[in-house]
Amino acid sequence: MIVHASDLLAWIEANLPALDADRYHPWTSGPAPPGALTARIEVTMTSPGREVRRVCVRLSAEPLEPTTPPPRPT
């Protein structure tokens, strides 16, 4: 059971896929650019006398180099 926000953060960091520092930027939130690695984290919060709450966090790691070739000159 996770009892503190820092426990949750530590769990997320321990369970995210390892990134190749030569190929990807660190994990961030926000829209995933083309070629990015993505992770989706779903958390359910329950407390006596309260409705169940759910949150979803989407993270992405952008590649250091573009993954799509540049357009061909015409």
PDB file of N, CA and C in Angstrom:
ATOM      1  N   MET A   1       0.846  -1.171   0.000  1.00  0.00           N
ATOM      2  CA  MET A   1       0.000   0.000   0.000  1.00  0.00           C
ATOM      3  C   MET A   1       0.896   1.240   0.000  1.00  0.00           C
ATOM      4  N   ILE A   2       0.487   2.212  -0.750  1.00  0.00           N
ATOM      5  CA  ILE A   2       1.209   3.475  -0.826  1.00  0.00           C
ATOM      6  C   ILE A   2       0.546   4.444   0.147  1.00  0.00           C
ATOM      7  N   VAL A   3       1.326   4.992   1.069  1.00  0.00           N
ATOM      8  CA  VAL A   3       0.751   5.863   2.098  1.00  0.00           C
ATOM      9  C   VAL A   3       1.160   7.322   1.948  1.00  0.00           C
ATOM     10  N   HIS A   4       2.094   7.615   1.071  1.00  0.00           N
ATOM     11  CA  HIS A   4       2.568   8.988   0.913  1.00  0.00           C
ATOM     12  C   HIS A   4       2.843   9.237  -0.565  1.00  0.00           C
ATOM     13  N   ALA A   5       2.676  10.475  -0.989  1.00  0.00           N
ATOM     14  CA  ALA A   5       2.892  10.818  -2.400  1.00  0.00           C
ATOM     15  C   ALA A   5       4.302  10.460  -2.865  1.00  0.00           C
ATOM     16  N   SER A   6       5.288  10.599  -1.990  1.00  0.00           N
ATOM     17  CA  SER A   6       6.658  10.256  -2.390  1.00  0.00           C
ATOM     18  C   SER A   6       6.795   8.758  -2.644  1.00  0.00           C
ATOM     19  N   ASP A   7       5.993   7.931  -1.931  1.00  0.00           N
ATOM     20  CA  ASP A   7       5.985   6.488  -2.194  1.00  0.00           C
ATOM     21  C   ASP A   7       5.457   6.203  -3.593  1.00  0.00           C
ATOM     22  N   LEU A   8       4.408   6.925  -3.979  1.00  0.00           N
ATOM     23  CA  LEU A   8       3.828   6.749  -5.312  1.00  0.00           C
ATOM     24  C   LEU A   8       4.835   7.152  -6.387  1.00  0.00           C
ATOM     25  N   LEU A   9       5.492   8.278  -6.198  1.00  0.00           N
ATOM     26  CA  LEU A   9       6.489   8.729  -7.164  1.00  0.00           C
ATOM     27  C   LEU A   9       7.627   7.717  -7.282  1.00  0.00           C
ATOM     28  N   ALA A  10       8.103   7.208  -6.164  1.00  0.00           N
ATOM     29  CA  ALA A  10       9.180   6.214  -6.187  1.00  0.00           C
ATOM     30  C   ALA A  10       8.732   4.950  -6.912  1.00  0.00           C
ATOM     31  N   TRP A  11       7.487   4.522  -6.692  1.00  0.00           N
ATOM     32  CA  TRP A  11       6.968   3.330  -7.363  1.00  0.00           C
ATOM     33  C   TRP A  11       6.902   3.552  -8.872  1.00  0.00           C
ATOM     34  N   ILE A  12       6.396   4.710  -9.285  1.00  0.00           N
ATOM     35  CA  ILE A  12       6.303   5.020 -10.717  1.00  0.00           C
ATOM     36  C   ILE A  12       7.693   5.017 -11.342  1.00  0.00           C
ATOM     37  N   GLU A  13       8.647   5.704 -10.721  1.00  0.00           N
ATOM     38  CA  GLU A  13      10.003   5.761 -11.268  1.00  0.00           C
ATOM     39  C   GLU A  13      10.628   4.377 -11.367  1.00  0.00           C
ATOM     40  N   ALA A  14      10.377   3.522 -10.383  1.00  0.00           N
ATOM     41  CA  ALA A  14      10.944   2.172 -10.390  1.00  0.00           C
ATOM     42  C   ALA A  14      10.315   1.286 -11.460  1.00  0.00           C
ATOM     43  N   ASN A  15       9.090   1.588 -11.864  1.00  0.00           N
ATOM     44  CA  ASN A  15       8.380   0.716 -12.796  1.00  0.00           C
ATOM     45  C   ASN A  15       8.311   1.236 -14.227  1.00  0.00           C
ATOM     46  N   LEU A  16       8.762   2.458 -14.474  1.00  0.00           N
ATOM     47  CA  LEU A  16       8.821   2.945 -15.854  1.00  0.00           C
ATOM     48  C   LEU A  16       9.919   2.197 -16.597  1.00  0.00           C
ATOM     49  N   PRO A  17       9.727   1.951 -17.882  1.00  0.00           N
ATOM     50  CA  PRO A  17      10.799   1.311 -18.646  1.00  0.00           C
ATOM     51  C   PRO A  17      12.063   2.173 -18.619  1.00  0.00           C
ATOM     52  N   ALA A  18      13.210   1.519 -18.552  1.00  0.00           N
ATOM     53  CA  ALA A  18      14.479   2.249 -18.583  1.00  0.00           C
ATOM     54  C   ALA A  18      14.656   2.873 -19.962  1.00  0.00           C
ATOM     55  N   LEU A  19      15.218   4.064 -19.983  1.00  0.00           N
ATOM     56  CA  LEU A  19      15.446   4.763 -21.245  1.00  0.00           C
ATOM     57  C   LEU A  19      16.915   4.698 -21.622  1.00  0.00           C
ATOM     58  N   ASP A  20      17.178   4.575 -22.900  1.00  0.00           N
ATOM     59  CA  ASP A  20      18.530   4.651 -23.426  1.00  0.00           C
ATOM     60  C   ASP A  20      18.869   6.138 -23.545  1.00  0.00           C
ATOM     61  N   ALA A  21      19.760   6.624 -22.685  1.00  0.00           N
ATOM     62  CA  ALA A  21      20.079   8.058 -22.645  1.00  0.00           C
ATOM     63  C   ALA A  21      20.699   8.559 -23.944  1.00  0.00           C
ATOM     64  N   ASP A  22      21.205   7.651 -24.771  1.00  0.00           N
ATOM     65  CA  ASP A  22      21.760   8.049 -26.068  1.00  0.00           C
ATOM     66  C   ASP A  22      20.680   8.197 -27.129  1.00  0.00           C
ATOM     67  N   ARG A  23      19.455   7.763 -26.810  1.00  0.00           N
ATOM     68  CA  ARG A  23      18.385   7.791 -27.813  1.00  0.00           C
ATOM     69  C   ARG A  23      17.159   8.597 -27.408  1.00  0.00           C
ATOM     70  N   TYR A  24      16.923   8.776 -26.091  1.00  0.00           N
ATOM     71  CA  TYR A  24      15.680   9.416 -25.644  1.00  0.00           C
ATOM     72  C   TYR A  24      15.930  10.482 -24.589  1.00  0.00           C
ATOM     73  N   HIS A  25      15.093  11.511 -24.620  1.00  0.00           N
ATOM     74  CA  HIS A  25      15.044  12.501 -23.544  1.00  0.00           C
ATOM     75  C   HIS A  25      14.365  11.851 -22.338  1.00  0.00           C
ATOM     76  N   PRO A  26      14.424  12.474 -21.141  1.00  0.00           N
ATOM     77  CA  PRO A  26      13.736  11.928 -19.964  1.00  0.00           C
ATOM     78  C   PRO A  26      12.209  11.913 -20.148  1.00  0.00           C
ATOM     79  N   TRP A  27      11.545  11.132 -19.296  1.00  0.00           N
ATOM     80  CA  TRP A  27      10.083  11.069 -19.298  1.00  0.00           C
ATOM     81  C   TRP A  27       9.505  12.434 -18.961  1.00  0.00           C
ATOM     82  N   THR A  28       8.440  12.839 -19.677  1.00  0.00           N
ATOM     83  CA  THR A  28       7.721  14.079 -19.396  1.00  0.00           C
ATOM     84  C   THR A  28       6.233  13.840 -19.617  1.00  0.00           C
ATOM     85  N   SER A  29       5.421  14.771 -19.129  1.00  0.00           N
ATOM     86  CA  SER A  29       3.984  14.694 -19.411  1.00  0.00           C
ATOM     87  C   SER A  29       3.696  15.557 -20.628  1.00  0.00           C
ATOM     88  N   GLY A  30       2.516  15.414 -21.161  1.00  0.00           N
ATOM     89  CA  GLY A  30       2.147  16.202 -22.335  1.00  0.00           C
ATOM     90  C   GLY A  30       1.991  15.320 -23.558  1.00  0.00           C
ATOM     91  N   PRO A  31       1.622  15.918 -24.676  1.00  0.00           N
ATOM     92  CA  PRO A  31       1.411  15.142 -25.898  1.00  0.00           C
ATOM     93  C   PRO A  31       2.693  14.426 -26.333  1.00  0.00           C
ATOM     94  N   ALA A  32       2.531  13.215 -26.804  1.00  0.00           N
ATOM     95  CA  ALA A  32       3.678  12.423 -27.261  1.00  0.00           C
ATOM     96  C   ALA A  32       4.014  12.771 -28.707  1.00  0.00           C
ATOM     97  N   PRO A  33       5.245  13.173 -28.977  1.00  0.00           N
ATOM     98  CA  PRO A  33       5.637  13.456 -30.355  1.00  0.00           C
ATOM     99  C   PRO A  33       5.822  12.152 -31.134  1.00  0.00           C
ATOM    100  N   PRO A  34       5.891  12.209 -32.455  1.00  0.00           N
ATOM    101  CA  PRO A  34       6.104  10.992 -33.246  1.00  0.00           C
ATOM    102  C   PRO A  34       7.383  10.274 -32.805  1.00  0.00           C
ATOM    103  N   GLY A  35       7.294   8.959 -32.694  1.00  0.00           N
ATOM    104  CA  GLY A  35       8.446   8.143 -32.331  1.00  0.00           C
ATOM    105  C   GLY A  35       8.746   8.070 -30.852  1.00  0.00           C
ATOM    106  N   ALA A  36       7.931   8.709 -30.021  1.00  0.00           N
ATOM    107  CA  ALA A  36       8.186   8.717 -28.576  1.00  0.00           C
ATOM    108  C   ALA A  36       7.782   7.392 -27.944  1.00  0.00           C
ATOM    109  N   LEU A  37       8.476   7.043 -26.872  1.00  0.00           N
ATOM    110  CA  LEU A  37       8.023   5.950 -26.019  1.00  0.00           C
ATOM    111  C   LEU A  37       6.926   6.524 -25.140  1.00  0.00           C
ATOM    112  N   THR A  38       5.924   5.736 -24.824  1.00  0.00           N
ATOM    113  CA  THR A  38       4.836   6.237 -23.990  1.00  0.00           C
ATOM    114  C   THR A  38       4.560   5.286 -22.831  1.00  0.00           C
ATOM    115  N   ALA A  39       4.049   5.848 -21.751  1.00  0.00           N
ATOM    116  CA  ALA A  39       3.636   5.077 -20.584  1.00  0.00           C
ATOM    117  C   ALA A  39       2.337   5.677 -20.067  1.00  0.00           C
ATOM    118  N   ARG A  40       1.430   4.811 -19.670  1.00  0.00           N
ATOM    119  CA  ARG A  40       0.145   5.246 -19.119  1.00  0.00           C
ATOM    120  C   ARG A  40       0.041   4.678 -17.715  1.00  0.00           C
ATOM    121  N   ILE A  41      -0.194   5.545 -16.742  1.00  0.00           N
ATOM    122  CA  ILE A  41      -0.278   5.144 -15.342  1.00  0.00           C
ATOM    123  C   ILE A  41      -1.683   5.453 -14.861  1.00  0.00           C
ATOM    124  N   GLU A  42      -2.361   4.441 -14.341  1.00  0.00           N
ATOM    125  CA  GLU A  42      -3.716   4.616 -13.824  1.00  0.00           C
ATOM    126  C   GLU A  42      -3.696   4.384 -12.316  1.00  0.00           C
ATOM    127  N   VAL A  43      -4.265   5.324 -11.579  1.00  0.00           N
ATOM    128  CA  VAL A  43      -4.303   5.240 -10.119  1.00  0.00           C
ATOM    129  C   VAL A  43      -5.757   5.298  -9.676  1.00  0.00           C
ATOM    130  N   THR A  44      -6.138   4.389  -8.781  1.00  0.00           N
ATOM    131  CA  THR A  44      -7.471   4.400  -8.180  1.00  0.00           C
ATOM    132  C   THR A  44      -7.313   4.752  -6.705  1.00  0.00           C
ATOM    133  N   MET A  45      -8.080   5.750  -6.254  1.00  0.00           N
ATOM    134  CA  MET A  45      -8.006   6.191  -4.861  1.00  0.00           C
ATOM    135  C   MET A  45      -9.310   5.832  -4.159  1.00  0.00           C
ATOM    136  N   THR A  46      -9.190   5.157  -3.038  1.00  0.00           N
ATOM    137  CA  THR A  46     -10.370   4.807  -2.247  1.00  0.00           C
ATOM    138  C   THR A  46     -10.172   5.302  -0.817  1.00  0.00           C
ATOM    139  N   SER A  47     -11.229   5.842  -0.261  1.00  0.00           N
ATOM    140  CA  SER A  47     -11.233   6.299   1.130  1.00  0.00           C
ATOM    141  C   SER A  47     -12.611   6.004   1.701  1.00  0.00           C
ATOM    142  N   PRO A  48     -12.684   5.587   2.979  1.00  0.00           N
ATOM    143  CA  PRO A  48     -13.989   5.347   3.577  1.00  0.00           C
ATOM    144  C   PRO A  48     -14.863   6.600   3.494  1.00  0.00           C
ATOM    145  N   GLY A  49     -16.096   6.420   3.077  1.00  0.00           N
ATOM    146  CA  GLY A  49     -17.048   7.517   3.010  1.00  0.00           C
ATOM    147  C   GLY A  49     -16.886   8.431   1.808  1.00  0.00           C
ATOM    148  N   ARG A  50     -15.987   8.116   0.898  1.00  0.00           N
ATOM    149  CA  ARG A  50     -15.779   8.941  -0.296  1.00  0.00           C
ATOM    150  C   ARG A  50     -15.972   8.085  -1.531  1.00  0.00           C
ATOM    151  N   GLU A  51     -16.355   8.721  -2.615  1.00  0.00           N
ATOM    152  CA  GLU A  51     -16.472   7.996  -3.878  1.00  0.00           C
ATOM    153  C   GLU A  51     -15.089   7.576  -4.355  1.00  0.00           C
ATOM    154  N   VAL A  52     -15.054   6.483  -5.099  1.00  0.00           N
ATOM    155  CA  VAL A  52     -13.796   6.040  -5.704  1.00  0.00           C
ATOM    156  C   VAL A  52     -13.380   7.071  -6.743  1.00  0.00           C
ATOM    157  N   ARG A  53     -12.114   7.428  -6.713  1.00  0.00           N
ATOM    158  CA  ARG A  53     -11.586   8.400  -7.683  1.00  0.00           C
ATOM    159  C   ARG A  53     -10.490   7.729  -8.493  1.00  0.00           C
ATOM    160  N   ARG A  54     -10.421   8.097  -9.758  1.00  0.00           N
ATOM    161  CA  ARG A  54      -9.412   7.539 -10.652  1.00  0.00           C
ATOM    162  C   ARG A  54      -8.719   8.667 -11.395  1.00  0.00           C
ATOM    163  N   VAL A  55      -7.440   8.465 -11.633  1.00  0.00           N
ATOM    164  CA  VAL A  55      -6.674   9.427 -12.414  1.00  0.00           C
ATOM    165  C   VAL A  55      -5.759   8.643 -13.356  1.00  0.00           C
ATOM    166  N   CYS A  56      -5.543   9.201 -14.521  1.00  0.00           N
ATOM    167  CA  CYS A  56      -4.655   8.592 -15.511  1.00  0.00           C
ATOM    168  C   CYS A  56      -3.582   9.620 -15.871  1.00  0.00           C
ATOM    169  N   VAL A  57      -2.343   9.198 -15.835  1.00  0.00           N
ATOM    170  CA  VAL A  57      -1.217  10.057 -16.205  1.00  0.00           C
ATOM    171  C   VAL A  57      -0.544   9.434 -17.419  1.00  0.00           C
ATOM    172  N   ARG A  58      -0.328  10.240 -18.442  1.00  0.00           N
ATOM    173  CA  ARG A  58       0.370   9.761 -19.638  1.00  0.00           C
ATOM    174  C   ARG A  58       1.723  10.452 -19.716  1.00  0.00           C
ATOM    175  N   LEU A  59       2.761   9.650 -19.865  1.00  0.00           N
ATOM    176  CA  LEU A  59       4.116  10.169 -19.973  1.00  0.00           C
ATOM    177  C   LEU A  59       4.693   9.779 -21.323  1.00  0.00           C
ATOM    178  N   SER A  60       5.653  10.555 -21.783  1.00  0.00           N
ATOM    179  CA  SER A  60       6.328  10.202 -23.032  1.00  0.00           C
ATOM    180  C   SER A  60       7.800  10.572 -22.929  1.00  0.00           C
ATOM    181  N   ALA A  61       8.611   9.851 -23.682  1.00  0.00           N
ATOM    182  CA  ALA A  61      10.044  10.127 -23.785  1.00  0.00           C
ATOM    183  C   ALA A  61      10.339  10.364 -25.260  1.00  0.00           C
ATOM    184  N   GLU A  62      10.658  11.595 -25.576  1.00  0.00           N
ATOM    185  CA  GLU A  62      10.883  11.992 -26.967  1.00  0.00           C
ATOM    186  C   GLU A  62      12.252  11.505 -27.443  1.00  0.00           C
ATOM    187  N   PRO A  63      12.318  11.015 -28.676  1.00  0.00           N
ATOM    188  CA  PRO A  63      13.625  10.608 -29.199  1.00  0.00           C
ATOM    189  C   PRO A  63      14.549  11.822 -29.357  1.00  0.00           C
ATOM    190  N   LEU A  64      15.841  11.611 -29.176  1.00  0.00           N
ATOM    191  CA  LEU A  64      16.813  12.695 -29.357  1.00  0.00           C
ATOM    192  C   LEU A  64      16.890  13.121 -30.818  1.00  0.00           C
ATOM    193  N   GLU A  65      16.764  12.164 -31.712  1.00  0.00           N
ATOM    194  CA  GLU A  65      16.809  12.428 -33.154  1.00  0.00           C
ATOM    195  C   GLU A  65      15.417  12.213 -33.734  1.00  0.00           C
ATOM    196  N   PRO A  66      15.036  12.984 -34.741  1.00  0.00           N
ATOM    197  CA  PRO A  66      13.728  12.756 -35.382  1.00  0.00           C
ATOM    198  C   PRO A  66      13.643  11.330 -35.930  1.00  0.00           C
ATOM    199  N   THR A  67      12.453  10.750 -35.827  1.00  0.00           N
ATOM    200  CA  THR A  67      12.278   9.374 -36.304  1.00  0.00           C
ATOM    201  C   THR A  67      11.671   9.318 -37.695  1.00  0.00           C
ATOM    202  N   THR A  68      11.234  10.438 -38.200  1.00  0.00           N
ATOM    203  CA  THR A  68      10.678  10.458 -39.556  1.00  0.00           C
ATOM    204  C   THR A  68      11.682  11.137 -40.476  1.00  0.00           C
ATOM    205  N   PRO A  69      11.871  10.614 -41.667  1.00  0.00           N
ATOM    206  CA  PRO A  69      12.829  11.237 -42.576  1.00  0.00           C
ATOM    207  C   PRO A  69      12.345  12.610 -43.018  1.00  0.00           C
ATOM    208  N   PRO A  70      13.282  13.511 -43.312  1.00  0.00           N
ATOM    209  CA  PRO A  70      12.863  14.828 -43.792  1.00  0.00           C
ATOM    210  C   PRO A  70      12.188  14.705 -45.153  1.00  0.00           C
ATOM    211  N   PRO A  71      11.327  15.650 -45.500  1.00  0.00           N
ATOM    212  CA  PRO A  71      10.649  15.567 -46.800  1.00  0.00           C
ATOM    213  C   PRO A  71      11.655  15.665 -47.946  1.00  0.00           C
ATOM    214  N   ARG A  72      11.337  14.956 -49.010  1.00  0.00           N
ATOM    215  CA  ARG A  72      12.197  14.992 -50.200  1.00  0.00           C
ATOM    216  C   ARG A  72      12.008  16.308 -50.937  1.00  0.00           C
ATOM    217  N   PRO A  73      13.104  16.874 -51.424  1.00  0.00           N
ATOM    218  CA  PRO A  73      12.946  18.097 -52.221  1.00  0.00           C
ATOM    219  C   PRO A  73      12.226  17.786 -53.525  1.00  0.00           C
ATOM    220  N   THR A  74      11.436  18.724 -53.997  1.00  0.00           N
ATOM    221  CA  THR A  74      10.703  18.505 -55.256  1.00  0.00           C
ATOM    222  C   THR A  74      11.298  19.290 -56.387  1.00  0.00           C
TER     223      THR A  74
END
